[in-house]
Amino acid sequence: MTPEEQLKALGLELPPTPRPGGIYKPVLIQGGLAYVSGHPPVRQDGTWVLGRVGADLTLEQGQAAARQVGLAILATLRAGLESLDRVSRLVKLLGMVNSTPDFADHPKVINGCSELFVEVFGEERGMGARSAVGMGSLPRNIAVEIEAIFEIEG
């Protein structure tokens, strides 16, 4: 199945693409790569998941927030590429978790996004290199911010 077909088969609905919170492009296409700027966890109604994992949010809620970020990234990719079928593979993810100083499961939080990409693109195309780090704060108190690099066709 293509990524677009897989989205439908999984019953996934993409949220609205988030508006830039500064002076940057949400996605930049250069040299066969799509560089996706950091995205917040956007819900279907356009609101964001807020709070710190380890205080306001549980690990599971953090994972759900990371999955929402993944859906927002897919929405931005689709808007920039016209179809997710142009994605050859995920190259790299950087996941940032708004967390308490004692929280240590940042990679488990970012798994929420990584698992989504494997579901949509398959293991070979949807699993890339990755970093997951904790932050003392994130813009507007969002729970998770993730940026990504994808290899694209055409």
Foldseek 3Di string as FASTA:
>chain_A
DFLVVLCVVVVHDAAAADDDPDPDDQWDDDDQKIWGDKFFQADNVRDGAFAADVPPHDLVVLLVRLLSRLSNNVNSCCVVVVDPSFFQAWAEKEKEFQYDPPDDPQVSSNVSNLVNQCSRHNDVRRDHYYHGYYDPADPPRGGMIMITMTGGHD
